Amino acid sequence: MANSTFSGPVRSQNGFQTVSIDPTTGAVTTTSTLGVTTSVTNLTATNLVFTDLNHPTTAAINATATATAAEVATGYITSTSAAATTITLPTGTLLGAQLGATAGTVLDLYIDNTAGANTVTIAVATNGILSAAAAAGSGAGAGLLTVPSGVTGLACFRIMFSSATAYAFTRTA
């Protein structure tokens, strides 16, 4: 069948399927199905911005520690510590592998210290560098790497990958 281009909505009562055909055997394989129960069996994408505003899972770090790549990948870390806490991000290699990162991958990381009783400080590890604004310090706005406790204890940081194993880190809010 030839390619078809539509200018309006495409509708179906029975769903849609994407298929591939083996050039040797002619076998048809369904690669994705969109319908009442939508499933995707194989999806490849590059240079996407990953943002999950709902954060169905979060991580809790309540003492000075290095966050695991899985904890950072949730995009939302809480802290309820009474003591000052430093959270060191994982290496670019570990975080990049967890996210399947390529150059251009972006992750927003929220730190919630509203239930904490002391400051949380964020630090980067190997293959993580502070952006120019972050390196300039708190006077640049984006350089503030501390999150106060209490009602103002929310911060958003952006992790931007320059390769599969290296990222720049900056505060956005």
Protein backbone atom coordinates (compact mmCIF):
# COMPACT_ATOMS: atom_id res chain seq x y z
CA MET A 1 0.00 0.00 0.00
CA ALA A 2 1.20 3.50 -0.73
CA ASN A 3 1.75 6.18 1.88
CA SER A 4 -1.34 8.23 2.68
CA THR A 5 -1.36 11.80 3.94
CA PHE A 6 -4.39 13.21 5.74
CA SER A 7 -5.14 16.83 6.54
CA GLY A 8 -7.89 16.12 9.08
CA PRO A 9 -8.29 13.70 11.98
CA VAL A 10 -7.97 9.99 11.29
CA ARG A 11 -10.60 7.91 13.06
CA SER A 12 -11.10 4.19 13.56
CA GLN A 13 -13.59 2.18 15.61
CA ASN A 14 -11.16 -0.73 15.91
CA GLY A 15 -7.84 0.96 16.72
CA PHE A 16 -4.60 1.37 14.78
CA GLN A 17 -1.59 -0.89 14.31
CA THR A 18 1.94 -0.23 13.14
CA VAL A 19 3.54 -3.24 11.49
CA SER A 20 6.87 -4.29 10.03
CA ILE A 21 7.34 -6.83 7.27
CA ASP A 22 10.40 -9.08 7.22
CA PRO A 23 12.01 -8.58 3.79
CA THR A 24 13.12 -12.22 3.62
CA THR A 25 10.16 -14.17 4.96
CA GLY A 26 7.39 -11.64 4.47
CA ALA A 27 6.27 -12.24 8.06
CA VAL A 28 4.19 -9.38 9.45
CA THR A 29 4.98 -8.26 13.01
CA THR A 30 2.81 -5.78 14.91
CA THR A 31 5.12 -3.20 16.51
CA SER A 32 2.49 -1.00 18.17
CA THR A 33 -1.23 -1.03 18.76
CA LEU A 34 -3.33 1.99 19.62
CA GLY A 35 -6.83 1.24 20.82
CA VAL A 36 -8.86 0.61 23.95
CA THR A 37 -5.83 -1.00 25.60
CA THR A 38 -2.92 0.91 24.11
CA SER A 39 0.47 -0.79 24.10
CA VAL A 40 3.77 0.04 22.45
CA THR A 41 6.16 -2.85 21.98
CA ASN A 42 9.08 -0.99 20.42
CA LEU A 43 9.69 2.76 20.54
CA THR A 44 12.83 4.56 19.48
CA ALA A 45 13.28 8.27 20.04
CA THR A 46 16.18 10.69 20.07
CA ASN A 47 16.72 14.17 21.50
CA LEU A 48 13.53 14.25 23.54
CA VAL A 49 12.92 16.43 26.56
CA PHE A 50 11.73 14.24 29.40
CA THR A 51 9.39 15.92 31.85
CA ASP A 52 6.98 14.10 34.10
CA LEU A 53 4.94 16.60 36.05
CA ASN A 54 3.06 13.93 37.99
CA HIS A 55 6.06 12.10 39.48
CA PRO A 56 4.29 8.83 40.32
CA THR A 57 7.36 7.74 42.30
CA THR A 58 9.64 9.86 44.43
CA ALA A 59 12.82 9.25 46.37
CA ALA A 60 13.54 10.25 49.96
CA ILE A 61 17.07 11.24 50.97
CA ASN A 62 17.20 12.29 54.62
CA ALA A 63 20.94 12.26 55.33
CA THR A 64 24.08 13.30 53.47
CA ALA A 65 24.54 10.76 50.68
CA THR A 66 25.12 10.18 47.00
CA ALA A 67 21.79 9.77 45.25
CA THR A 68 21.46 6.68 43.10
CA ALA A 69 20.74 7.09 39.41
CA ALA A 70 17.31 5.51 40.00
CA GLU A 71 16.50 8.08 42.71
CA VAL A 72 17.42 11.00 40.46
CA ALA A 73 15.53 9.46 37.52
CA THR A 74 12.27 9.77 39.49
CA GLY A 75 12.65 13.52 39.01
CA TYR A 76 11.50 14.25 42.57
CA ILE A 77 13.53 13.91 45.77
CA THR A 78 12.19 14.75 49.21
CA SER A 79 14.17 15.44 52.38
CA THR A 80 12.82 15.66 55.93
CA SER A 81 16.14 15.84 57.72
CA ALA A 82 16.67 17.88 60.88
CA ALA A 83 20.39 18.10 60.04
CA ALA A 84 22.04 19.89 57.14
CA THR A 85 22.11 17.46 54.23
CA THR A 86 24.23 17.29 51.09
CA ILE A 87 22.89 15.25 48.19
CA THR A 88 25.58 14.40 45.66
CA LEU A 89 24.29 13.50 42.21
CA PRO A 90 25.46 10.26 40.59
CA THR A 91 28.17 10.24 37.95
CA GLY A 92 27.26 11.18 34.43
CA THR A 93 27.93 7.60 33.34
CA LEU A 94 25.52 6.08 35.88
CA LEU A 95 22.77 8.67 35.38
CA GLY A 96 23.13 8.59 31.61
CA ALA A 97 22.78 4.80 31.58
CA GLN A 98 19.70 4.95 33.85
CA LEU A 99 17.99 7.48 31.57
CA GLY A 100 19.22 6.09 28.25
CA ALA A 101 20.63 9.57 27.71
CA THR A 102 22.10 10.97 24.52
CA ALA A 103 23.32 14.47 23.73
CA GLY A 104 20.30 16.71 24.22
CA THR A 105 18.51 14.65 26.87
CA VAL A 106 17.10 16.89 29.61
CA LEU A 107 15.75 15.93 33.04
CA ASP A 108 14.14 18.34 35.49
CA LEU A 109 14.89 17.37 39.10
CA TYR A 110 12.70 18.72 41.89
CA ILE A 111 14.01 18.87 45.46
CA ASP A 112 11.29 19.14 48.10
CA ASN A 113 12.60 20.21 51.50
CA THR A 114 9.30 21.66 52.77
CA ALA A 115 9.11 19.05 55.57
CA GLY A 116 12.80 19.37 56.46
CA ALA A 117 14.25 21.34 59.33
CA ASN A 118 17.60 22.28 57.78
CA THR A 119 19.18 23.19 54.43
CA VAL A 120 19.75 20.70 51.61
CA THR A 121 22.76 21.32 49.37
CA ILE A 122 23.13 19.70 45.94
CA ALA A 123 26.56 18.69 44.59
CA VAL A 124 27.61 17.15 41.26
CA ALA A 125 29.86 14.13 40.77
CA THR A 126 32.25 12.96 38.05
CA ASN A 127 31.10 13.87 34.53
CA GLY A 128 28.64 16.35 36.01
CA ILE A 129 29.57 19.99 35.68
CA LEU A 130 27.91 23.13 36.91
CA SER A 131 26.52 25.31 34.15
CA ALA A 132 28.11 28.74 33.70
CA ALA A 133 25.24 30.32 35.66
CA ALA A 134 25.56 27.77 38.47
CA ALA A 135 29.32 28.23 38.63
CA ALA A 136 28.83 32.01 38.91
CA GLY A 137 27.21 31.54 42.30
CA SER A 138 23.99 32.53 43.97
CA GLY A 139 24.22 36.10 42.69
CA ALA A 140 23.40 34.73 39.22
CA GLY A 141 20.08 33.27 40.44
CA ALA A 142 20.61 29.94 38.72
CA GLY A 143 23.70 29.28 40.82
CA LEU A 144 21.97 28.68 44.12
CA LEU A 145 22.63 25.03 44.99
CA THR A 146 20.99 25.12 48.42
CA VAL A 147 17.34 24.47 49.20
CA PRO A 148 16.00 26.00 52.42
CA SER A 149 13.65 24.13 54.73
CA GLY A 150 10.01 24.97 55.27
CA VAL A 151 7.46 26.59 52.98
CA THR A 152 10.10 27.99 50.62
CA GLY A 153 11.91 24.65 50.44
CA LEU A 154 11.17 23.75 46.83
CA ALA A 155 13.66 23.92 43.98
CA CYS A 156 13.87 22.78 40.38
CA PHE A 157 17.19 21.87 38.77
CA ARG A 158 17.83 20.98 35.14
CA ILE A 159 20.23 18.24 34.10
CA MET A 160 21.27 18.62 30.44
CA PHE A 161 23.32 15.88 28.79
CA SER A 162 26.06 16.82 26.32
CA SER A 163 26.74 13.12 25.66
CA ALA A 164 25.55 9.78 27.00
CA THR A 165 27.88 10.13 30.00
CA ALA A 166 28.25 13.86 30.77
CA TYR A 167 25.80 16.48 31.99
CA ALA A 168 25.58 20.13 32.94
CA PHE A 169 23.59 21.04 36.04
CA THR A 170 21.79 24.30 36.80
CA ARG A 171 18.97 25.63 38.94
CA THR A 172 15.86 26.79 37.11
CA ALA A 173 13.55 27.71 40.01
